[in-house]
Amino acid sequence: MAPILADSTKPNVPERENYVNSGFVNINNPHLDMLTEDILYHFDLGTKTHDLPSMFGDVKFVCVGGSPNRMRSFALFIHKELGLDGDANNITDICAGTDRYSMYKVGPVLSISHGMGIPSISIMLHELIKLLHHAKCRNVIIIRIGTSGGIGIEPGTVVITDVSVDSFFRPQFDQVILDKVVVRNTQLHQELAEELLQCSQEISSFPTLIGHTMCTYDFYEGQGRLDGALCSFSKEEKFEYLRKAYDAGVRNIEMESSVFAAMCHLCGLKAAVVCVTLLNRLEGDQISSGHNVLVEFQRRPQQLIAKFIKKKLGTSS
């Protein structure tokens, strides 16, 4: 069995504190210093082909979510909310040269799709973090906005994650590196979570709470669903597991938060996960709400984040 190690990628504490206190994004990879050019392949960007500081140096907020269409919609929405000049319909996909991710810049806000699951968001985050570093961005806040399955809460509830847990309800992300399993911290920024919760109190149209988010590697069996092509457990076992998750503080399930929390923590980024629940998994496995209801649900995290950004920029009415 491969050895299990605590994370060893962090620089010494004084060095990390000095770097993070300066507000820059911390990348801890000495091999990057040897590159004459850093090609961000999945973004179709590069340090020689693009002036990254000029393009992205003013970015203060990065919002990421699974769907390209949803992140384009968010870009249009935040353009309107911030009252920016120009026609929002002219906002173009910066990553149009690749079909992996979509990226839109709206003033100080970057809106990026990350696909579905840990591997997809991990690839995006590696290149995003390097992009922010090369662009010399400072004091960046990064927020994942998305959808999830709820446990014991009303569909449409927005969950702000305090910590991401694995399928054993442990607050950790196990990263396989070469022949070792490296355990990484999945705590999210607590002050940021509280700020978001305070913003939510000004929105009376939907409930919001802080809770644990369980991150899985699979949508079907890995989340205890009975409706996949394969199922090796009983209905009773499913409900017993979900009740254990609820008792452990889990309020929603998705597929990206653990690696998101781990990577942002190591790179000194203030990070949050804000997901709306589309169903209560204690009542079923399939999403049965109508299209219009689901569209309204998916707007809820965007509304909260827009209010938060406007407060931070001092433009909140």
C-alpha atoms as a PDB file:
ATOM      1  CA  MET A   1       0.000   0.000   0.000  1.00  0.00           C
ATOM      2  CA  ALA A   2       1.251   3.494  -0.855  1.00  0.00           C
ATOM      3  CA  PRO A   3       2.393   5.486   2.180  1.00  0.00           C
ATOM      4  CA  ILE A   4       0.131   8.240   3.495  1.00  0.00           C
ATOM      5  CA  LEU A   5       1.848  11.533   4.239  1.00  0.00           C
ATOM      6  CA  ALA A   6       0.808  14.883   5.582  1.00  0.00           C
ATOM      7  CA  ASP A   7       1.088  17.613   2.985  1.00  0.00           C
ATOM      8  CA  SER A   8       4.694  18.563   2.337  1.00  0.00           C
ATOM      9  CA  THR A   9       4.330  21.254  -0.333  1.00  0.00           C
ATOM     10  CA  LYS A  10       4.102  24.180   2.066  1.00  0.00           C
ATOM     11  CA  PRO A  11       7.146  26.421   2.411  1.00  0.00           C
ATOM     12  CA  ASN A  12       8.365  27.273   5.900  1.00  0.00           C
ATOM     13  CA  VAL A  13       5.812  29.260   7.909  1.00  0.00           C
ATOM     14  CA  PRO A  14       7.566  32.678   8.044  1.00  0.00           C
ATOM     15  CA  GLU A  15       8.167  32.614   4.296  1.00  0.00           C
ATOM     16  CA  ARG A  16       4.562  31.677   3.576  1.00  0.00           C
ATOM     17  CA  GLU A  17       3.180  34.276   5.974  1.00  0.00           C
ATOM     18  CA  ASN A  18       5.312  37.034   4.447  1.00  0.00           C
ATOM     19  CA  TYR A  19       4.209  36.070   0.950  1.00  0.00           C
ATOM     20  CA  VAL A  20       0.530  35.729   1.791  1.00  0.00           C
ATOM     21  CA  ASN A  21       0.542  38.943   3.835  1.00  0.00           C
ATOM     22  CA  SER A  22       1.725  40.753   0.721  1.00  0.00           C
ATOM     23  CA  GLY A  23      -1.510  39.668  -0.966  1.00  0.00           C
ATOM     24  CA  PHE A  24       0.119  37.827  -3.873  1.00  0.00           C
ATOM     25  CA  VAL A  25      -0.876  34.314  -4.919  1.00  0.00           C
ATOM     26  CA  ASN A  26       1.572  31.791  -3.508  1.00  0.00           C
ATOM     27  CA  ILE A  27       2.786  29.098  -5.895  1.00  0.00           C
ATOM     28  CA  ASN A  28       5.285  26.697  -4.393  1.00  0.00           C
ATOM     29  CA  ASN A  29       6.891  25.030  -7.393  1.00  0.00           C
ATOM     30  CA  PRO A  30      10.592  25.795  -7.968  1.00  0.00           C
ATOM     31  CA  HIS A  31      10.475  24.067 -11.357  1.00  0.00           C
ATOM     32  CA  LEU A  32       8.450  26.937 -12.793  1.00  0.00           C
ATOM     33  CA  ASP A  33      11.473  29.210 -12.386  1.00  0.00           C
ATOM     34  CA  MET A  34      13.292  27.107 -14.984  1.00  0.00           C
ATOM     35  CA  LEU A  35      10.681  27.716 -17.690  1.00  0.00           C
ATOM     36  CA  THR A  36      11.361  30.322 -20.355  1.00  0.00           C
ATOM     37  CA  GLU A  37       7.644  30.280 -21.118  1.00  0.00           C
ATOM     38  CA  ASP A  38       4.699  28.968 -19.128  1.00  0.00           C
ATOM     39  CA  ILE A  39       1.967  27.739 -21.473  1.00  0.00           C
ATOM     40  CA  LEU A  40      -1.448  27.544 -19.836  1.00  0.00           C
ATOM     41  CA  TYR A  41      -2.537  24.953 -22.346  1.00  0.00           C
ATOM     42  CA  HIS A  42      -6.157  24.429 -21.305  1.00  0.00           C
ATOM     43  CA  PHE A  43      -6.779  28.202 -21.264  1.00  0.00           C
ATOM     44  CA  ASP A  44      -5.010  28.833 -24.580  1.00  0.00           C
ATOM     45  CA  LEU A  45      -2.873  31.447 -22.826  1.00  0.00           C
ATOM     46  CA  GLY A  46       0.848  31.808 -22.200  1.00  0.00           C
ATOM     47  CA  THR A  47       3.414  34.079 -20.597  1.00  0.00           C
ATOM     48  CA  LYS A  48       5.083  34.874 -23.947  1.00  0.00           C
ATOM     49  CA  THR A  49       2.001  35.032 -26.158  1.00  0.00           C
ATOM     50  CA  HIS A  50      -0.092  37.180 -23.808  1.00  0.00           C
ATOM     51  CA  ASP A  51       0.510  40.180 -21.540  1.00  0.00           C
ATOM     52  CA  LEU A  52      -1.050  38.553 -18.481  1.00  0.00           C
ATOM     53  CA  PRO A  53      -0.490  41.480 -16.048  1.00  0.00           C
ATOM     54  CA  SER A  54      -2.192  43.847 -18.477  1.00  0.00           C
ATOM     55  CA  MET A  55      -5.052  41.442 -19.151  1.00  0.00           C
ATOM     56  CA  PHE A  56      -5.709  40.229 -15.606  1.00  0.00           C
ATOM     57  CA  GLY A  57      -3.746  42.356 -13.140  1.00  0.00           C
ATOM     58  CA  ASP A  58      -6.851  44.125 -11.802  1.00  0.00           C
ATOM     59  CA  VAL A  59      -8.749  40.920 -10.979  1.00  0.00           C
ATOM     60  CA  LYS A  60      -9.982  40.859  -7.364  1.00  0.00           C
ATOM     61  CA  PHE A  61     -12.721  38.223  -7.542  1.00  0.00           C
ATOM     62  CA  VAL A  62     -12.702  34.872  -9.314  1.00  0.00           C
ATOM     63  CA  CYS A  63     -15.955  32.947  -9.550  1.00  0.00           C
ATOM     64  CA  VAL A  64     -15.834  29.386 -10.847  1.00  0.00           C
ATOM     65  CA  GLY A  65     -18.601  26.931 -11.663  1.00  0.00           C
ATOM     66  CA  GLY A  66     -19.137  23.755 -13.613  1.00  0.00           C
ATOM     67  CA  SER A  67     -21.113  24.855 -16.665  1.00  0.00           C
ATOM     68  CA  PRO A  68     -19.748  27.166 -19.398  1.00  0.00           C
ATOM     69  CA  ASN A  69     -23.242  28.506 -20.057  1.00  0.00           C
ATOM     70  CA  ARG A  70     -23.833  29.198 -16.374  1.00  0.00           C
ATOM     71  CA  MET A  71     -20.560  31.090 -16.037  1.00  0.00           C
ATOM     72  CA  ARG A  72     -21.330  33.165 -19.120  1.00  0.00           C
ATOM     73  CA  SER A  73     -24.723  33.953 -17.607  1.00  0.00           C
ATOM     74  CA  PHE A  74     -22.997  34.949 -14.391  1.00  0.00           C
ATOM     75  CA  ALA A  75     -20.642  37.247 -16.310  1.00  0.00           C
ATOM     76  CA  LEU A  76     -23.612  38.975 -17.946  1.00  0.00           C
ATOM     77  CA  PHE A  77     -25.383  39.188 -14.580  1.00  0.00           C
ATOM     78  CA  ILE A  78     -22.419  40.686 -12.709  1.00  0.00           C
ATOM     79  CA  HIS A  79     -21.836  43.183 -15.544  1.00  0.00           C
ATOM     80  CA  LYS A  80     -25.364  44.472 -15.001  1.00  0.00           C
ATOM     81  CA  GLU A  81     -25.117  44.360 -11.198  1.00  0.00           C
ATOM     82  CA  LEU A  82     -21.887  46.383 -11.168  1.00  0.00           C
ATOM     83  CA  GLY A  83     -23.290  48.906 -13.641  1.00  0.00           C
ATOM     84  CA  LEU A  84     -20.289  48.630 -15.941  1.00  0.00           C
ATOM     85  CA  ASP A  85     -20.050  50.485 -19.238  1.00  0.00           C
ATOM     86  CA  GLY A  86     -20.432  48.777 -22.579  1.00  0.00           C
ATOM     87  CA  ASP A  87     -22.734  46.134 -23.992  1.00  0.00           C
ATOM     88  CA  ALA A  88     -22.596  42.953 -21.910  1.00  0.00           C
ATOM     89  CA  ASN A  89     -23.361  40.914 -25.020  1.00  0.00           C
ATOM     90  CA  ASN A  90     -19.930  41.884 -26.341  1.00  0.00           C
ATOM     91  CA  ILE A  91     -18.211  40.009 -23.516  1.00  0.00           C
ATOM     92  CA  THR A  92     -16.180  37.279 -25.194  1.00  0.00           C
ATOM     93  CA  ASP A  93     -14.786  33.938 -24.092  1.00  0.00           C
ATOM     94  CA  ILE A  94     -11.080  34.454 -23.402  1.00  0.00           C
ATOM     95  CA  CYS A  95     -10.530  30.691 -23.746  1.00  0.00           C
ATOM     96  CA  ALA A  96     -12.320  30.422 -27.089  1.00  0.00           C
ATOM     97  CA  GLY A  97      -9.213  28.783 -28.570  1.00  0.00           C
ATOM     98  CA  THR A  98      -9.827  25.673 -26.467  1.00  0.00           C
ATOM     99  CA  ASP A  99     -12.932  23.605 -25.773  1.00  0.00           C
ATOM    100  CA  ARG A 100     -11.981  22.665 -22.189  1.00  0.00           C
ATOM    101  CA  TYR A 101     -12.983  25.751 -20.214  1.00  0.00           C
ATOM    102  CA  SER A 102     -14.663  29.104 -20.739  1.00  0.00           C
ATOM    103  CA  MET A 103     -13.458  32.356 -19.174  1.00  0.00           C
ATOM    104  CA  TYR A 104     -15.057  35.798 -19.058  1.00  0.00           C
ATOM    105  CA  LYS A 105     -13.630  38.980 -17.526  1.00  0.00           C
ATOM    106  CA  VAL A 106     -16.023  41.636 -16.279  1.00  0.00           C
ATOM    107  CA  GLY A 107     -14.188  44.507 -14.611  1.00  0.00           C
ATOM    108  CA  PRO A 108     -12.426  43.061 -11.541  1.00  0.00           C
ATOM    109  CA  VAL A 109     -14.382  39.791 -11.794  1.00  0.00           C
ATOM    110  CA  LEU A 110     -13.224  36.660 -13.602  1.00  0.00           C
ATOM    111  CA  SER A 111     -15.882  34.043 -14.362  1.00  0.00           C
ATOM    112  CA  ILE A 112     -14.572  30.596 -15.328  1.00  0.00           C
ATOM    113  CA  SER A 113     -16.090  27.166 -15.936  1.00  0.00           C
ATOM    114  CA  HIS A 114     -14.368  24.147 -14.395  1.00  0.00           C
ATOM    115  CA  GLY A 115     -16.277  21.149 -15.712  1.00  0.00           C
ATOM    116  CA  MET A 116     -17.487  18.321 -13.503  1.00  0.00           C
ATOM    117  CA  GLY A 117     -15.518  16.463 -10.855  1.00  0.00           C
ATOM    118  CA  ILE A 118     -12.197  16.672  -9.034  1.00  0.00           C
ATOM    119  CA  PRO A 119      -9.895  15.978 -12.015  1.00  0.00           C
ATOM    120  CA  SER A 120     -11.482  18.669 -14.182  1.00  0.00           C
ATOM    121  CA  ILE A 121     -11.484  21.438 -11.570  1.00  0.00           C
ATOM    122  CA  SER A 122      -7.973  20.450 -10.453  1.00  0.00           C
ATOM    123  CA  ILE A 123      -6.538  21.027 -13.933  1.00  0.00           C
ATOM    124  CA  MET A 124      -8.330  24.356 -14.191  1.00  0.00           C
ATOM    125  CA  LEU A 125      -7.113  25.469 -10.750  1.00  0.00           C
ATOM    126  CA  HIS A 126      -3.461  24.716 -11.509  1.00  0.00           C
ATOM    127  CA  GLU A 127      -3.585  26.988 -14.541  1.00  0.00           C
ATOM    128  CA  LEU A 128      -5.793  29.610 -12.885  1.00  0.00           C
ATOM    129  CA  ILE A 129      -3.475  29.923  -9.878  1.00  0.00           C
ATOM    130  CA  LYS A 130      -0.471  30.274 -12.183  1.00  0.00           C
ATOM    131  CA  LEU A 131      -2.382  32.852 -14.231  1.00  0.00           C
ATOM    132  CA  LEU A 132      -3.100  34.933 -11.118  1.00  0.00           C
ATOM    133  CA  HIS A 133       0.550  34.631 -10.094  1.00  0.00           C
ATOM    134  CA  HIS A 134       1.929  35.627 -13.499  1.00  0.00           C
ATOM    135  CA  ALA A 135      -0.562  38.515 -13.686  1.00  0.00           C
ATOM    136  CA  LYS A 136       0.671  39.756 -10.282  1.00  0.00           C
ATOM    137  CA  CYS A 137      -2.866  39.837  -8.890  1.00  0.00           C
ATOM    138  CA  ARG A 138      -3.198  40.738  -5.218  1.00  0.00           C
ATOM    139  CA  ASN A 139      -5.785  40.059  -2.510  1.00  0.00           C
ATOM    140  CA  VAL A 140      -7.864  37.816  -4.727  1.00  0.00           C
ATOM    141  CA  ILE A 141     -11.017  36.144  -3.413  1.00  0.00           C
ATOM    142  CA  ILE A 142     -12.081  32.960  -5.194  1.00  0.00           C
ATOM    143  CA  ILE A 143     -15.564  31.470  -4.898  1.00  0.00           C
ATOM    144  CA  ARG A 144     -17.000  28.283  -6.345  1.00  0.00           C
ATOM    145  CA  ILE A 145     -20.684  28.698  -7.153  1.00  0.00           C
ATOM    146  CA  GLY A 146     -22.688  25.680  -8.126  1.00  0.00           C
ATOM    147  CA  THR A 147     -25.417  23.142  -7.528  1.00  0.00           C
ATOM    148  CA  SER A 148     -25.545  20.228  -5.141  1.00  0.00           C
ATOM    149  CA  GLY A 149     -27.723  17.633  -3.497  1.00  0.00           C
ATOM    150  CA  GLY A 150     -28.962  18.573  -0.052  1.00  0.00           C
ATOM    151  CA  ILE A 151     -29.235  16.352   3.015  1.00  0.00           C
ATOM    152  CA  GLY A 152     -32.101  17.093   5.372  1.00  0.00           C
ATOM    153  CA  ILE A 153     -32.677  20.625   4.084  1.00  0.00           C
ATOM    154  CA  GLU A 154     -35.221  22.251   1.792  1.00  0.00           C
ATOM    155  CA  PRO A 155     -34.467  22.237  -1.955  1.00  0.00           C
ATOM    156  CA  GLY A 156     -33.332  25.689  -2.995  1.00  0.00           C
ATOM    157  CA  THR A 157     -31.352  26.232   0.198  1.00  0.00           C
ATOM    158  CA  VAL A 158     -27.955  27.845  -0.371  1.00  0.00           C
ATOM    159  CA  VAL A 159     -25.129  26.162   1.553  1.00  0.00           C
ATOM    160  CA  ILE A 160     -21.922  28.052   2.363  1.00  0.00           C
ATOM    161  CA  THR A 161     -19.243  25.458   3.065  1.00  0.00           C
ATOM    162  CA  ASP A 162     -17.160  25.717   6.230  1.00  0.00           C
ATOM    163  CA  VAL A 163     -15.155  22.564   5.502  1.00  0.00           C
ATOM    164  CA  SER A 164     -15.204  19.964   2.754  1.00  0.00           C
ATOM    165  CA  VAL A 165     -15.251  16.355   3.932  1.00  0.00           C
ATOM    166  CA  ASP A 166     -14.645  13.103   2.109  1.00  0.00           C
ATOM    167  CA  SER A 167     -16.930  10.067   1.892  1.00  0.00           C
ATOM    168  CA  PHE A 168     -15.810   9.027   5.383  1.00  0.00           C
ATOM    169  CA  PHE A 169     -16.729  12.518   6.691  1.00  0.00           C
ATOM    170  CA  ARG A 170     -13.049  13.376   7.228  1.00  0.00           C
ATOM    171  CA  PRO A 171     -11.924  16.991   6.614  1.00  0.00           C
ATOM    172  CA  GLN A 172      -9.212  16.060   4.145  1.00  0.00           C
ATOM    173  CA  PHE A 173      -8.350  15.573   0.480  1.00  0.00           C
ATOM    174  CA  ASP A 174      -6.151  12.630  -0.452  1.00  0.00           C
ATOM    175  CA  GLN A 175      -3.934  13.549  -3.397  1.00  0.00           C
ATOM    176  CA  VAL A 176      -2.047  10.694  -5.045  1.00  0.00           C
ATOM    177  CA  ILE A 177       1.421  11.978  -6.013  1.00  0.00           C
ATOM    178  CA  LEU A 178       3.781   9.479  -7.633  1.00  0.00           C
ATOM    179  CA  ASP A 179       3.502   6.423  -5.346  1.00  0.00           C
ATOM    180  CA  LYS A 180       2.324   8.271  -2.255  1.00  0.00           C
ATOM    181  CA  VAL A 181      -0.984   9.515  -0.865  1.00  0.00           C
ATOM    182  CA  VAL A 182      -0.619  13.078   0.411  1.00  0.00           C
ATOM    183  CA  VAL A 183      -3.296  14.324   2.819  1.00  0.00           C
ATOM    184  CA  ARG A 184      -4.313  17.959   2.402  1.00  0.00           C
ATOM    185  CA  ASN A 185      -6.348  20.356   4.521  1.00  0.00           C
ATOM    186  CA  THR A 186      -9.864  21.180   3.238  1.00  0.00           C
ATOM    187  CA  GLN A 187     -10.772  24.028   5.585  1.00  0.00           C
ATOM    188  CA  LEU A 188     -12.233  27.036   3.821  1.00  0.00           C
ATOM    189  CA  HIS A 189     -11.805  30.657   4.896  1.00  0.00           C
ATOM    190  CA  GLN A 190     -14.056  31.036   7.948  1.00  0.00           C
ATOM    191  CA  GLU A 191     -14.189  34.842   7.960  1.00  0.00           C
ATOM    192  CA  LEU A 192     -15.207  34.846   4.307  1.00  0.00           C
ATOM    193  CA  ALA A 193     -17.953  32.286   5.004  1.00  0.00           C
ATOM    194  CA  GLU A 194     -19.304  34.478   7.794  1.00  0.00           C
ATOM    195  CA  GLU A 195     -19.231  37.562   5.546  1.00  0.00           C
ATOM    196  CA  LEU A 196     -21.226  35.692   2.932  1.00  0.00           C
ATOM    197  CA  LEU A 197     -23.733  34.534   5.533  1.00  0.00           C
ATOM    198  CA  GLN A 198     -24.187  38.133   6.689  1.00  0.00           C
ATOM    199  CA  CYS A 199     -24.850  39.189   3.094  1.00  0.00           C
ATOM    200  CA  SER A 200     -27.441  36.432   2.773  1.00  0.00           C
ATOM    201  CA  GLN A 201     -29.422  37.916   5.659  1.00  0.00           C
ATOM    202  CA  GLU A 202     -30.242  40.839   3.376  1.00  0.00           C
ATOM    203  CA  ILE A 203     -31.860  38.448   0.892  1.00  0.00           C
ATOM    204  CA  SER A 204     -35.182  37.180   2.207  1.00  0.00           C
ATOM    205  CA  SER A 205     -36.225  35.167  -0.856  1.00  0.00           C
ATOM    206  CA  PHE A 206     -34.270  31.997  -0.016  1.00  0.00           C
ATOM    207  CA  PRO A 207     -32.692  30.272   3.017  1.00  0.00           C
ATOM    208  CA  THR A 208     -28.910  30.193   3.477  1.00  0.00           C
ATOM    209  CA  LEU A 209     -26.795  28.316   6.011  1.00  0.00           C
ATOM    210  CA  ILE A 210     -23.209  27.321   6.782  1.00  0.00           C
ATOM    211  CA  GLY A 211     -22.460  23.588   6.880  1.00  0.00           C
ATOM    212  CA  HIS A 212     -20.108  20.802   5.878  1.00  0.00           C
ATOM    213  CA  THR A 213     -20.036  19.787   2.210  1.00  0.00           C
ATOM    214  CA  MET A 214     -19.245  16.205   1.261  1.00  0.00           C
ATOM    215  CA  CYS A 215     -17.152  15.895  -1.899  1.00  0.00           C
ATOM    216  CA  THR A 216     -17.294  12.608  -3.814  1.00  0.00           C
ATOM    217  CA  TYR A 217     -15.561  11.163  -6.860  1.00  0.00           C
ATOM    218  CA  ASP A 218     -18.811   9.978  -8.417  1.00  0.00           C
ATOM    219  CA  PHE A 219     -22.385  11.189  -8.941  1.00  0.00           C
ATOM    220  CA  TYR A 220     -24.166   7.858  -8.614  1.00  0.00           C
ATOM    221  CA  GLU A 221     -22.844   5.071  -6.375  1.00  0.00           C
ATOM    222  CA  GLY A 222     -20.341   7.411  -4.741  1.00  0.00           C
ATOM    223  CA  GLN A 223     -23.221   9.583  -3.529  1.00  0.00           C
ATOM    224  CA  GLY A 224     -25.402   6.667  -2.468  1.00  0.00           C
ATOM    225  CA  ARG A 225     -27.828   6.922  -5.370  1.00  0.00           C
ATOM    226  CA  LEU A 226     -30.117   4.008  -6.209  1.00  0.00           C
ATOM    227  CA  ASP A 227     -30.762   5.076  -9.829  1.00  0.00           C
ATOM    228  CA  GLY A 228     -27.410   4.517 -11.553  1.00  0.00           C
ATOM    229  CA  ALA A 229     -26.476   1.770 -14.008  1.00  0.00           C
ATOM    230  CA  LEU A 230     -24.848  -0.042 -11.070  1.00  0.00           C
ATOM    231  CA  CYS A 231     -25.920  -0.278  -7.445  1.00  0.00           C
ATOM    232  CA  SER A 232     -24.407  -2.620  -4.846  1.00  0.00           C
ATOM    233  CA  PHE A 233     -26.337  -1.533  -1.727  1.00  0.00           C
ATOM    234  CA  SER A 234     -29.886  -1.515  -0.408  1.00  0.00           C
ATOM    235  CA  LYS A 235     -32.279   1.365   0.088  1.00  0.00           C
ATOM    236  CA  GLU A 236     -31.917   0.897   3.830  1.00  0.00           C
ATOM    237  CA  GLU A 237     -28.113   1.107   3.623  1.00  0.00           C
ATOM    238  CA  LYS A 238     -28.376   4.282   1.557  1.00  0.00           C
ATOM    239  CA  PHE A 239     -30.550   6.056   4.114  1.00  0.00           C
ATOM    240  CA  GLU A 240     -28.417   4.876   7.001  1.00  0.00           C
ATOM    241  CA  TYR A 241     -25.356   6.369   5.298  1.00  0.00           C
ATOM    242  CA  LEU A 242     -27.049   9.694   4.502  1.00  0.00           C
ATOM    243  CA  ARG A 243     -28.323   9.983   8.083  1.00  0.00           C
ATOM    244  CA  LYS A 244     -24.757   9.409   9.310  1.00  0.00           C
ATOM    245  CA  ALA A 245     -23.604  12.175   6.980  1.00  0.00           C
ATOM    246  CA  TYR A 246     -26.256  14.540   8.353  1.00  0.00           C
ATOM    247  CA  ASP A 247     -25.279  13.701  11.938  1.00  0.00           C
ATOM    248  CA  ALA A 248     -21.647  14.473  11.000  1.00  0.00           C
ATOM    249  CA  GLY A 249     -22.678  17.989   9.943  1.00  0.00           C
ATOM    250  CA  VAL A 250     -22.948  17.395   6.185  1.00  0.00           C
ATOM    251  CA  ARG A 251     -25.671  19.473   4.547  1.00  0.00           C
ATOM    252  CA  ASN A 252     -24.898  18.982   0.874  1.00  0.00           C
ATOM    253  CA  ILE A 253     -22.977  16.791  -1.563  1.00  0.00           C
ATOM    254  CA  GLU A 254     -21.048  17.778  -4.684  1.00  0.00           C
ATOM    255  CA  MET A 255     -17.894  16.767  -6.568  1.00  0.00           C
ATOM    256  CA  GLU A 256     -15.326  19.580  -6.476  1.00  0.00           C
ATOM    257  CA  SER A 257     -15.027  21.252  -3.062  1.00  0.00           C
ATOM    258  CA  SER A 258     -12.251  19.144  -1.521  1.00  0.00           C
ATOM    259  CA  VAL A 259      -9.538  19.789  -4.101  1.00  0.00           C
ATOM    260  CA  PHE A 260     -10.753  23.388  -4.463  1.00  0.00           C
ATOM    261  CA  ALA A 261     -10.352  23.981  -0.725  1.00  0.00           C
ATOM    262  CA  ALA A 262      -7.009  22.171  -0.567  1.00  0.00           C
ATOM    263  CA  MET A 263      -5.372  24.009  -3.469  1.00  0.00           C
ATOM    264  CA  CYS A 264      -6.650  27.441  -2.470  1.00  0.00           C
ATOM    265  CA  HIS A 265      -5.470  26.885   1.103  1.00  0.00           C
ATOM    266  CA  LEU A 266      -1.962  25.964  -0.023  1.00  0.00           C
ATOM    267  CA  CYS A 267      -1.750  28.974  -2.336  1.00  0.00           C
ATOM    268  CA  GLY A 268      -2.932  31.534   0.194  1.00  0.00           C
ATOM    269  CA  LEU A 269      -6.220  32.313  -1.550  1.00  0.00           C
ATOM    270  CA  LYS A 270      -9.286  33.343   0.431  1.00  0.00           C
ATOM    271  CA  ALA A 271     -11.805  30.815  -0.835  1.00  0.00           C
ATOM    272  CA  ALA A 272     -15.453  29.911  -0.398  1.00  0.00           C
ATOM    273  CA  VAL A 273     -17.884  27.365  -1.803  1.00  0.00           C
ATOM    274  CA  VAL A 274     -21.493  28.486  -2.255  1.00  0.00           C
ATOM    275  CA  CYS A 275     -23.888  25.913  -3.700  1.00  0.00           C
ATOM    276  CA  VAL A 276     -27.647  25.726  -3.989  1.00  0.00           C
ATOM    277  CA  THR A 277     -29.328  22.389  -3.270  1.00  0.00           C
ATOM    278  CA  LEU A 278     -31.572  21.040  -6.033  1.00  0.00           C
ATOM    279  CA  LEU A 279     -33.186  18.313  -3.932  1.00  0.00           C
ATOM    280  CA  ASN A 280     -33.229  16.697  -0.507  1.00  0.00           C
ATOM    281  CA  ARG A 281     -31.471  13.343  -0.884  1.00  0.00           C
ATOM    282  CA  LEU A 282     -33.423  11.950   2.072  1.00  0.00           C
ATOM    283  CA  GLU A 283     -36.527  12.256  -0.113  1.00  0.00           C
ATOM    284  CA  GLY A 284     -35.183  10.873  -3.398  1.00  0.00           C
ATOM    285  CA  ASP A 285     -32.341  10.612  -5.882  1.00  0.00           C
ATOM    286  CA  GLN A 286     -33.696  12.225  -9.030  1.00  0.00           C
ATOM    287  CA  ILE A 287     -34.165  15.941  -9.587  1.00  0.00           C
ATOM    288  CA  SER A 288     -37.879  16.402 -10.211  1.00  0.00           C
ATOM    289  CA  SER A 289     -38.344  20.177 -10.027  1.00  0.00           C
ATOM    290  CA  GLY A 290     -39.429  21.906 -13.211  1.00  0.00           C
ATOM    291  CA  HIS A 291     -37.016  23.759 -15.488  1.00  0.00           C
ATOM    292  CA  ASN A 292     -38.128  27.216 -14.382  1.00  0.00           C
ATOM    293  CA  VAL A 293     -37.722  26.277 -10.717  1.00  0.00           C
ATOM    294  CA  LEU A 294     -34.214  24.914 -11.327  1.00  0.00           C
ATOM    295  CA  VAL A 295     -33.204  28.030 -13.256  1.00  0.00           C
ATOM    296  CA  GLU A 296     -34.372  30.183 -10.335  1.00  0.00           C
ATOM    297  CA  PHE A 297     -32.508  27.963  -7.869  1.00  0.00           C
ATOM    298  CA  GLN A 298     -29.281  28.293  -9.860  1.00  0.00           C
ATOM    299  CA  ARG A 299     -29.540  32.086  -9.760  1.00  0.00           C
ATOM    300  CA  ARG A 300     -29.498  32.110  -5.951  1.00  0.00           C
ATOM    301  CA  PRO A 301     -25.735  31.668  -5.393  1.00  0.00           C
ATOM    302  CA  GLN A 302     -25.137  34.265  -8.107  1.00  0.00           C
ATOM    303  CA  GLN A 303     -27.398  36.759  -6.334  1.00  0.00           C
ATOM    304  CA  LEU A 304     -25.551  36.228  -3.063  1.00  0.00           C
ATOM    305  CA  ILE A 305     -22.117  36.562  -4.646  1.00  0.00           C
ATOM    306  CA  ALA A 306     -23.152  39.692  -6.542  1.00  0.00           C
ATOM    307  CA  LYS A 307     -24.315  41.314  -3.305  1.00  0.00           C
ATOM    308  CA  PHE A 308     -21.043  40.322  -1.631  1.00  0.00           C
ATOM    309  CA  ILE A 309     -18.886  41.724  -4.469  1.00  0.00           C
ATOM    310  CA  LYS A 310     -20.812  44.994  -4.528  1.00  0.00           C
ATOM    311  CA  LYS A 311     -20.324  45.377  -0.769  1.00  0.00           C
ATOM    312  CA  LYS A 312     -16.610  44.758  -1.117  1.00  0.00           C
ATOM    313  CA  LEU A 313     -16.351  47.303  -3.920  1.00  0.00           C
ATOM    314  CA  GLY A 314     -18.458  49.817  -2.018  1.00  0.00           C
ATOM    315  CA  THR A 315     -21.146  49.945  -4.716  1.00  0.00           C
ATOM    316  CA  SER A 316     -23.929  48.220  -2.783  1.00  0.00           C
ATOM    317  CA  SER A 317     -27.165  50.179  -2.773  1.00  0.00           C
END
